[in-house]
N, C-alpha and C. Protein backbone atom coordinates (compact mmCIF):
# COMPACT_ATOMS: atom_id res chain seq x y z
N UNK A 1 -65.74 25.18 23.14
CA UNK A 1 -65.48 25.56 21.77
C UNK A 1 -66.49 26.63 21.35
N UNK A 2 -66.02 27.62 20.64
CA UNK A 2 -66.85 28.72 20.20
C UNK A 2 -67.62 28.35 18.93
N UNK A 3 -68.84 28.87 18.83
CA UNK A 3 -69.63 28.67 17.61
C UNK A 3 -69.44 29.83 16.64
N UNK A 4 -68.61 30.81 17.01
CA UNK A 4 -68.38 31.98 16.19
C UNK A 4 -67.33 31.71 15.13
N UNK A 5 -67.63 32.12 13.91
CA UNK A 5 -66.64 32.03 12.83
C UNK A 5 -65.74 33.26 12.95
N UNK A 6 -64.51 33.05 13.40
CA UNK A 6 -63.63 34.17 13.72
C UNK A 6 -63.12 34.92 12.50
N UNK A 7 -63.23 34.35 11.32
CA UNK A 7 -62.75 35.03 10.12
C UNK A 7 -63.83 35.89 9.46
N UNK A 8 -64.95 36.07 10.16
CA UNK A 8 -66.01 36.95 9.66
C UNK A 8 -66.20 38.10 10.64
N UNK A 9 -66.33 39.32 10.11
CA UNK A 9 -66.58 40.46 10.99
C UNK A 9 -68.08 40.55 11.30
N UNK A 10 -68.48 41.59 12.01
CA UNK A 10 -69.88 41.75 12.42
C UNK A 10 -70.83 41.83 11.24
N UNK A 11 -70.34 42.24 10.08
CA UNK A 11 -71.17 42.36 8.88
C UNK A 11 -71.09 41.12 7.98
N UNK A 12 -70.36 40.09 8.43
CA UNK A 12 -70.24 38.87 7.64
C UNK A 12 -69.15 38.91 6.59
N UNK A 13 -68.29 39.93 6.65
CA UNK A 13 -67.20 40.05 5.69
C UNK A 13 -65.97 39.30 6.18
N UNK A 14 -65.28 38.64 5.27
CA UNK A 14 -64.06 37.92 5.63
C UNK A 14 -62.97 38.91 6.01
N UNK A 15 -62.21 38.57 7.05
CA UNK A 15 -61.09 39.40 7.47
C UNK A 15 -60.07 38.54 8.20
N UNK A 16 -58.86 39.06 8.31
CA UNK A 16 -57.81 38.37 9.05
C UNK A 16 -58.00 38.70 10.52
N UNK A 17 -57.99 37.67 11.36
CA UNK A 17 -58.22 37.84 12.80
C UNK A 17 -57.06 38.60 13.42
N UNK A 18 -57.38 39.55 14.29
CA UNK A 18 -56.35 40.31 15.02
C UNK A 18 -55.92 39.48 16.23
N UNK A 19 -54.67 39.03 16.23
CA UNK A 19 -54.16 38.21 17.33
C UNK A 19 -53.21 38.99 18.24
N UNK A 20 -53.15 40.29 18.08
CA UNK A 20 -52.16 41.09 18.81
C UNK A 20 -52.33 41.02 20.32
N UNK A 21 -53.52 40.79 20.83
CA UNK A 21 -53.73 40.72 22.28
C UNK A 21 -53.70 39.30 22.84
N UNK A 22 -53.48 38.33 21.98
CA UNK A 22 -53.44 36.94 22.45
C UNK A 22 -52.12 36.64 23.14
N UNK A 23 -52.16 35.66 24.04
CA UNK A 23 -50.97 35.22 24.75
C UNK A 23 -50.08 34.38 23.83
N UNK A 24 -48.78 34.51 24.02
CA UNK A 24 -47.83 33.64 23.32
C UNK A 24 -47.78 32.33 24.10
N UNK A 25 -48.10 31.24 23.44
CA UNK A 25 -48.03 29.91 24.05
C UNK A 25 -47.39 28.96 23.06
N UNK A 26 -46.89 27.84 23.57
CA UNK A 26 -46.38 26.79 22.69
C UNK A 26 -47.59 26.13 22.04
N UNK A 27 -47.53 25.99 20.75
CA UNK A 27 -48.64 25.43 19.97
C UNK A 27 -48.10 24.35 19.04
N UNK A 28 -48.81 23.25 19.00
CA UNK A 28 -48.42 22.11 18.17
C UNK A 28 -49.69 21.52 17.54
N UNK A 29 -49.57 21.07 16.31
CA UNK A 29 -50.68 20.38 15.65
C UNK A 29 -50.11 19.27 14.78
N UNK A 30 -50.87 18.18 14.69
CA UNK A 30 -50.53 17.06 13.82
C UNK A 30 -51.71 16.76 12.92
N UNK A 31 -51.43 16.65 11.62
CA UNK A 31 -52.44 16.29 10.63
C UNK A 31 -51.97 15.05 9.88
N UNK A 32 -52.93 14.41 9.26
CA UNK A 32 -52.67 13.14 8.57
C UNK A 32 -53.31 13.15 7.19
N UNK A 33 -52.60 12.62 6.21
CA UNK A 33 -53.17 12.30 4.90
C UNK A 33 -52.85 10.84 4.61
N UNK A 34 -53.79 10.16 3.98
CA UNK A 34 -53.58 8.78 3.57
C UNK A 34 -53.68 8.71 2.05
N UNK A 35 -52.74 8.02 1.44
CA UNK A 35 -52.70 7.88 -0.01
C UNK A 35 -52.82 6.40 -0.35
N UNK A 36 -53.78 6.10 -1.26
CA UNK A 36 -54.00 4.72 -1.71
C UNK A 36 -53.49 4.58 -3.13
N UNK A 37 -52.73 3.50 -3.37
CA UNK A 37 -52.20 3.24 -4.71
C UNK A 37 -52.16 1.73 -4.94
N UNK A 38 -51.87 1.34 -6.16
CA UNK A 38 -51.74 -0.07 -6.48
C UNK A 38 -50.57 -0.68 -5.69
N UNK A 39 -50.69 -1.93 -5.28
CA UNK A 39 -49.58 -2.58 -4.58
C UNK A 39 -48.27 -2.53 -5.38
N UNK A 40 -48.35 -2.65 -6.70
CA UNK A 40 -47.12 -2.59 -7.52
C UNK A 40 -46.48 -1.20 -7.46
N UNK A 41 -47.32 -0.18 -7.37
CA UNK A 41 -46.80 1.19 -7.27
C UNK A 41 -46.13 1.39 -5.92
N UNK A 42 -46.79 0.96 -4.86
CA UNK A 42 -46.22 1.11 -3.52
C UNK A 42 -44.89 0.37 -3.41
N UNK A 43 -44.82 -0.79 -4.03
CA UNK A 43 -43.56 -1.55 -4.01
C UNK A 43 -42.45 -0.74 -4.69
N UNK A 44 -42.76 -0.09 -5.80
CA UNK A 44 -41.77 0.74 -6.50
C UNK A 44 -41.37 1.95 -5.65
N UNK A 45 -42.33 2.52 -4.93
CA UNK A 45 -42.03 3.65 -4.03
C UNK A 45 -41.02 3.20 -2.97
N UNK A 46 -41.30 2.08 -2.35
CA UNK A 46 -40.44 1.57 -1.27
C UNK A 46 -39.05 1.20 -1.79
N UNK A 47 -39.01 0.57 -2.95
CA UNK A 47 -37.74 0.10 -3.51
C UNK A 47 -36.98 1.17 -4.29
N UNK A 48 -37.61 2.34 -4.49
CA UNK A 48 -36.94 3.40 -5.24
C UNK A 48 -36.93 3.16 -6.73
N UNK A 49 -37.95 2.48 -7.25
CA UNK A 49 -37.96 2.12 -8.65
C UNK A 49 -38.79 3.01 -9.54
N UNK A 50 -38.94 4.27 -9.19
CA UNK A 50 -39.72 5.19 -10.03
C UNK A 50 -38.79 6.18 -10.74
N UNK A 51 -39.17 6.59 -11.95
CA UNK A 51 -38.26 7.42 -12.76
C UNK A 51 -37.95 8.80 -12.18
N UNK A 52 -38.81 9.34 -11.32
CA UNK A 52 -38.57 10.69 -10.80
C UNK A 52 -37.64 10.72 -9.60
N UNK A 53 -37.24 9.55 -9.10
CA UNK A 53 -36.28 9.55 -8.00
C UNK A 53 -36.89 9.14 -6.66
N UNK A 54 -36.29 9.61 -5.58
CA UNK A 54 -36.68 9.24 -4.22
C UNK A 54 -38.01 9.90 -3.85
N UNK A 55 -39.08 9.16 -4.02
CA UNK A 55 -40.43 9.67 -3.83
C UNK A 55 -40.66 10.13 -2.39
N UNK A 56 -40.27 9.32 -1.42
CA UNK A 56 -40.55 9.63 -0.03
C UNK A 56 -39.77 10.85 0.45
N UNK A 57 -38.51 10.95 0.08
CA UNK A 57 -37.72 12.13 0.48
C UNK A 57 -38.29 13.39 -0.15
N UNK A 58 -38.69 13.31 -1.41
CA UNK A 58 -39.26 14.47 -2.09
C UNK A 58 -40.57 14.88 -1.43
N UNK A 59 -41.41 13.91 -1.08
CA UNK A 59 -42.69 14.22 -0.42
C UNK A 59 -42.46 14.86 0.94
N UNK A 60 -41.47 14.37 1.68
CA UNK A 60 -41.14 14.97 2.99
C UNK A 60 -40.75 16.43 2.84
N UNK A 61 -39.86 16.69 1.92
CA UNK A 61 -39.40 18.07 1.70
C UNK A 61 -40.55 18.95 1.24
N UNK A 62 -41.38 18.45 0.35
CA UNK A 62 -42.53 19.22 -0.13
C UNK A 62 -43.48 19.56 1.02
N UNK A 63 -43.71 18.59 1.91
CA UNK A 63 -44.57 18.85 3.06
C UNK A 63 -44.02 19.92 3.98
N UNK A 64 -42.72 19.88 4.20
CA UNK A 64 -42.07 20.90 5.05
C UNK A 64 -42.18 22.27 4.39
N UNK A 65 -41.86 22.35 3.11
CA UNK A 65 -41.95 23.63 2.40
C UNK A 65 -43.37 24.17 2.42
N UNK A 66 -44.34 23.30 2.20
CA UNK A 66 -45.74 23.74 2.16
C UNK A 66 -46.19 24.28 3.51
N UNK A 67 -45.83 23.61 4.59
CA UNK A 67 -46.20 24.09 5.92
C UNK A 67 -45.66 25.50 6.13
N UNK A 68 -44.42 25.73 5.70
CA UNK A 68 -43.79 27.05 5.87
C UNK A 68 -44.45 28.12 5.01
N UNK A 69 -45.11 27.72 3.93
CA UNK A 69 -45.72 28.66 2.98
C UNK A 69 -47.24 28.73 3.10
N UNK A 70 -47.81 28.20 4.16
CA UNK A 70 -49.27 28.13 4.28
C UNK A 70 -49.95 29.49 4.10
N UNK A 71 -49.40 30.53 4.69
CA UNK A 71 -50.04 31.85 4.59
C UNK A 71 -50.03 32.39 3.16
N UNK A 72 -49.16 31.86 2.30
CA UNK A 72 -49.16 32.25 0.89
C UNK A 72 -50.28 31.54 0.12
N UNK A 73 -50.77 30.44 0.67
CA UNK A 73 -51.77 29.61 -0.01
C UNK A 73 -53.18 29.79 0.53
N UNK A 74 -53.32 29.97 1.83
CA UNK A 74 -54.63 30.11 2.48
C UNK A 74 -54.79 31.59 2.83
N UNK A 75 -55.72 32.28 2.19
CA UNK A 75 -55.77 33.75 2.24
C UNK A 75 -55.77 34.40 3.63
N UNK A 76 -56.44 33.85 4.61
CA UNK A 76 -56.57 34.54 5.90
C UNK A 76 -55.65 33.99 6.98
N UNK A 77 -54.72 33.11 6.62
CA UNK A 77 -53.76 32.58 7.60
C UNK A 77 -52.67 33.60 7.87
N UNK A 78 -52.25 33.67 9.12
CA UNK A 78 -51.15 34.54 9.50
C UNK A 78 -49.83 33.91 9.06
N UNK A 79 -48.87 34.73 8.63
CA UNK A 79 -47.52 34.19 8.40
C UNK A 79 -46.92 33.80 9.75
N UNK A 80 -46.41 32.60 9.86
CA UNK A 80 -45.90 32.11 11.14
C UNK A 80 -44.43 31.76 11.05
N UNK A 81 -43.76 31.93 12.17
CA UNK A 81 -42.36 31.55 12.28
C UNK A 81 -42.34 30.17 12.95
N UNK A 82 -42.51 29.14 12.13
CA UNK A 82 -42.53 27.78 12.66
C UNK A 82 -41.17 27.42 13.23
N UNK A 83 -41.17 26.75 14.36
CA UNK A 83 -39.91 26.31 14.96
C UNK A 83 -39.65 24.84 14.70
N UNK A 84 -40.68 24.14 14.22
CA UNK A 84 -40.53 22.71 13.90
C UNK A 84 -41.58 22.30 12.89
N UNK A 85 -41.14 21.59 11.87
CA UNK A 85 -42.04 20.90 10.95
C UNK A 85 -41.44 19.52 10.76
N UNK A 86 -42.23 18.50 11.06
CA UNK A 86 -41.78 17.12 10.90
C UNK A 86 -42.79 16.38 10.04
N UNK A 87 -42.31 15.73 9.00
CA UNK A 87 -43.17 14.93 8.13
C UNK A 87 -42.70 13.49 8.22
N UNK A 88 -43.57 12.62 8.75
CA UNK A 88 -43.30 11.18 8.82
C UNK A 88 -44.17 10.48 7.79
N UNK A 89 -43.57 9.53 7.10
CA UNK A 89 -44.31 8.76 6.09
C UNK A 89 -44.20 7.29 6.45
N UNK A 90 -45.36 6.65 6.60
CA UNK A 90 -45.42 5.26 7.03
C UNK A 90 -46.23 4.43 6.05
N UNK A 91 -45.77 3.23 5.76
CA UNK A 91 -46.53 2.29 4.95
C UNK A 91 -47.51 1.58 5.89
N UNK A 92 -48.80 1.67 5.57
CA UNK A 92 -49.82 1.05 6.41
C UNK A 92 -50.11 -0.40 6.02
N UNK A 93 -50.13 -0.66 4.72
CA UNK A 93 -50.35 -2.00 4.18
C UNK A 93 -49.86 -1.99 2.74
N UNK A 94 -50.28 -2.94 1.93
CA UNK A 94 -49.72 -3.03 0.58
C UNK A 94 -50.29 -2.00 -0.39
N UNK A 95 -51.24 -1.16 0.07
CA UNK A 95 -51.83 -0.15 -0.81
C UNK A 95 -51.85 1.25 -0.22
N UNK A 96 -51.59 1.41 1.06
CA UNK A 96 -51.78 2.70 1.72
C UNK A 96 -50.51 3.24 2.37
N UNK A 97 -50.28 4.52 2.15
CA UNK A 97 -49.21 5.26 2.81
C UNK A 97 -49.86 6.34 3.67
N UNK A 98 -49.37 6.48 4.88
CA UNK A 98 -49.84 7.50 5.80
C UNK A 98 -48.78 8.59 5.91
N UNK A 99 -49.23 9.83 5.82
CA UNK A 99 -48.34 10.98 5.99
C UNK A 99 -48.79 11.71 7.24
N UNK A 100 -47.87 11.92 8.17
CA UNK A 100 -48.14 12.68 9.39
C UNK A 100 -47.28 13.93 9.37
N UNK A 101 -47.92 15.08 9.50
CA UNK A 101 -47.19 16.34 9.54
C UNK A 101 -47.46 17.01 10.88
N UNK A 102 -46.38 17.29 11.61
CA UNK A 102 -46.48 17.96 12.90
C UNK A 102 -45.75 19.30 12.81
N UNK A 103 -46.44 20.35 13.22
CA UNK A 103 -45.87 21.70 13.22
C UNK A 103 -45.94 22.27 14.63
N UNK A 104 -44.90 23.04 14.99
CA UNK A 104 -44.84 23.66 16.32
C UNK A 104 -44.29 25.06 16.22
N UNK A 105 -44.65 25.86 17.23
CA UNK A 105 -44.09 27.19 17.42
C UNK A 105 -44.49 27.70 18.79
N UNK A 106 -43.90 28.79 19.20
CA UNK A 106 -44.38 29.57 20.33
C UNK A 106 -44.93 30.85 19.71
N UNK A 107 -46.23 31.04 19.83
CA UNK A 107 -46.84 32.18 19.15
C UNK A 107 -48.24 32.46 19.62
N UNK A 108 -48.91 33.34 18.86
CA UNK A 108 -50.23 33.84 19.23
C UNK A 108 -51.37 33.18 18.46
N UNK A 109 -51.04 32.31 17.53
CA UNK A 109 -52.07 31.62 16.76
C UNK A 109 -51.62 30.19 16.46
N UNK A 110 -52.58 29.33 16.24
CA UNK A 110 -52.31 27.90 16.10
C UNK A 110 -51.70 27.52 14.77
N UNK A 111 -51.29 26.26 14.70
CA UNK A 111 -50.58 25.74 13.53
C UNK A 111 -51.35 24.60 12.85
N UNK A 112 -52.65 24.55 13.07
CA UNK A 112 -53.45 23.49 12.46
C UNK A 112 -53.40 23.56 10.93
N UNK A 113 -53.54 24.75 10.38
CA UNK A 113 -53.55 24.89 8.92
C UNK A 113 -52.20 24.53 8.33
N UNK A 114 -51.12 24.83 9.04
CA UNK A 114 -49.79 24.48 8.57
C UNK A 114 -49.61 22.96 8.53
N UNK A 115 -50.09 22.28 9.57
CA UNK A 115 -49.99 20.81 9.60
C UNK A 115 -50.84 20.20 8.48
N UNK A 116 -52.05 20.70 8.30
CA UNK A 116 -52.93 20.19 7.24
C UNK A 116 -52.35 20.45 5.85
N UNK A 117 -51.78 21.62 5.66
CA UNK A 117 -51.18 21.96 4.37
C UNK A 117 -49.96 21.08 4.11
N UNK A 118 -49.13 20.88 5.12
CA UNK A 118 -47.95 20.04 4.95
C UNK A 118 -48.32 18.61 4.58
N UNK A 119 -49.29 18.04 5.28
CA UNK A 119 -49.73 16.67 4.98
C UNK A 119 -50.34 16.59 3.58
N UNK A 120 -51.14 17.59 3.23
CA UNK A 120 -51.81 17.59 1.92
C UNK A 120 -50.82 17.69 0.77
N UNK A 121 -49.86 18.58 0.88
CA UNK A 121 -48.90 18.76 -0.21
C UNK A 121 -47.95 17.57 -0.31
N UNK A 122 -47.61 16.97 0.81
CA UNK A 122 -46.80 15.74 0.75
C UNK A 122 -47.58 14.65 -0.01
N UNK A 123 -48.89 14.55 0.26
CA UNK A 123 -49.73 13.57 -0.45
C UNK A 123 -49.82 13.89 -1.94
N UNK A 124 -50.00 15.16 -2.27
CA UNK A 124 -50.04 15.56 -3.67
C UNK A 124 -48.71 15.28 -4.37
N UNK A 125 -47.62 15.43 -3.66
CA UNK A 125 -46.30 15.15 -4.21
C UNK A 125 -46.14 13.65 -4.49
N UNK A 126 -46.64 12.81 -3.56
CA UNK A 126 -46.63 11.37 -3.82
C UNK A 126 -47.39 11.07 -5.12
N UNK A 127 -48.56 11.68 -5.26
CA UNK A 127 -49.34 11.49 -6.47
C UNK A 127 -48.53 11.90 -7.70
N UNK A 128 -47.96 13.10 -7.65
CA UNK A 128 -47.20 13.61 -8.79
C UNK A 128 -46.04 12.70 -9.16
N UNK A 129 -45.33 12.21 -8.18
CA UNK A 129 -44.16 11.38 -8.43
C UNK A 129 -44.51 10.00 -8.96
N UNK A 130 -45.76 9.55 -8.70
CA UNK A 130 -46.16 8.18 -9.06
C UNK A 130 -47.16 8.11 -10.21
N UNK A 131 -47.68 9.23 -10.64
CA UNK A 131 -48.78 9.22 -11.63
C UNK A 131 -48.40 8.58 -12.96
N UNK A 132 -47.13 8.55 -13.31
CA UNK A 132 -46.72 7.94 -14.58
C UNK A 132 -46.99 6.44 -14.59
N UNK A 133 -46.98 5.80 -13.41
CA UNK A 133 -47.21 4.35 -13.36
C UNK A 133 -48.56 3.99 -12.76
N UNK A 134 -49.28 4.98 -12.17
CA UNK A 134 -50.55 4.67 -11.52
C UNK A 134 -51.44 5.91 -11.52
N UNK A 135 -52.31 6.01 -12.49
CA UNK A 135 -53.20 7.17 -12.60
C UNK A 135 -54.37 7.11 -11.61
N UNK A 136 -54.58 5.96 -10.99
CA UNK A 136 -55.71 5.79 -10.09
C UNK A 136 -55.40 6.05 -8.62
N UNK A 137 -54.29 6.70 -8.32
CA UNK A 137 -53.95 7.01 -6.93
C UNK A 137 -55.03 7.91 -6.33
N UNK A 138 -55.38 7.63 -5.08
CA UNK A 138 -56.42 8.41 -4.40
C UNK A 138 -55.87 8.93 -3.09
N UNK A 139 -56.05 10.21 -2.87
CA UNK A 139 -55.77 10.78 -1.55
C UNK A 139 -57.06 10.61 -0.77
N UNK A 140 -57.05 9.63 0.14
CA UNK A 140 -58.28 9.15 0.77
C UNK A 140 -58.77 10.03 1.93
N UNK A 141 -57.85 10.55 2.67
CA UNK A 141 -58.24 11.17 3.93
C UNK A 141 -57.19 12.20 4.32
N UNK A 142 -57.66 13.38 4.64
CA UNK A 142 -56.80 14.40 5.24
C UNK A 142 -57.57 14.96 6.42
N UNK A 143 -56.95 14.93 7.59
CA UNK A 143 -57.65 15.38 8.79
C UNK A 143 -56.67 15.84 9.85
N UNK A 144 -57.14 16.75 10.69
CA UNK A 144 -56.39 17.13 11.87
C UNK A 144 -56.52 16.02 12.90
N UNK A 145 -55.40 15.56 13.44
CA UNK A 145 -55.43 14.51 14.46
C UNK A 145 -55.44 15.09 15.87
N UNK A 146 -54.64 16.15 16.07
CA UNK A 146 -54.60 16.77 17.40
C UNK A 146 -53.97 18.13 17.31
N UNK A 147 -54.30 18.95 18.33
CA UNK A 147 -53.67 20.25 18.48
C UNK A 147 -53.54 20.53 19.96
N UNK A 148 -52.48 21.29 20.30
CA UNK A 148 -52.21 21.64 21.69
C UNK A 148 -51.82 23.10 21.77
N UNK A 149 -52.22 23.74 22.86
CA UNK A 149 -51.83 25.13 23.12
C UNK A 149 -52.92 26.11 22.78
N UNK A 150 -52.68 27.33 23.19
CA UNK A 150 -53.64 28.40 22.93
C UNK A 150 -54.78 28.40 23.92
N UNK A 151 -55.68 29.35 23.73
CA UNK A 151 -56.82 29.55 24.63
C UNK A 151 -57.73 28.32 24.72
N UNK A 152 -57.89 27.63 23.61
CA UNK A 152 -58.80 26.47 23.60
C UNK A 152 -58.13 25.19 24.10
N UNK A 153 -56.82 25.23 24.36
CA UNK A 153 -56.14 24.08 24.94
C UNK A 153 -55.90 22.96 23.95
N UNK A 154 -56.05 21.74 24.43
CA UNK A 154 -55.77 20.56 23.61
C UNK A 154 -57.05 19.99 23.02
N UNK A 155 -56.90 19.39 21.85
CA UNK A 155 -58.00 18.71 21.17
C UNK A 155 -57.41 17.51 20.46
N UNK A 156 -58.15 16.41 20.45
CA UNK A 156 -57.72 15.20 19.75
C UNK A 156 -58.90 14.61 18.99
N UNK A 157 -58.66 14.16 17.78
CA UNK A 157 -59.72 13.52 16.99
C UNK A 157 -60.23 12.27 17.70
N UNK A 158 -59.38 11.64 18.49
CA UNK A 158 -59.79 10.45 19.23
C UNK A 158 -60.79 10.76 20.34
N UNK A 159 -60.77 12.00 20.83
CA UNK A 159 -61.66 12.39 21.93
C UNK A 159 -62.73 13.37 21.49
N UNK A 160 -62.76 13.70 20.20
CA UNK A 160 -63.76 14.62 19.66
C UNK A 160 -63.55 15.99 20.18
């Protein structure tokens, strides 16, 4: 792993990295966000008892849209032609929902930021859809779980 911050030039100025000479490889990344809410709120999410409608479907769609729009939100990200965005939402226990966002493409730069953005916006959407009944919702954790492809190869949070 490099210790160089690639988004800084020799003078320390922020810039978009030139990827024109990089190899096209299949690249995949998975990120996770965890949302904590009251058990009564989670029950309403699962049963569809919230006034704004299908919370989980809306969060899934929001995560997919956000992953596709990452370069519009994060200033130095390259616009990418994603070939896959998958958002899975799992109930972990009576208070926690896990959001997993996986992004893939064949390209010259990775999709870690797209996966992180997708998971984050899906979590924010859960908050937005549930805030009328639970103002204490907490987005507890957002992290990259794994990435594959590119010059640096594979990385997993489980293996550091």
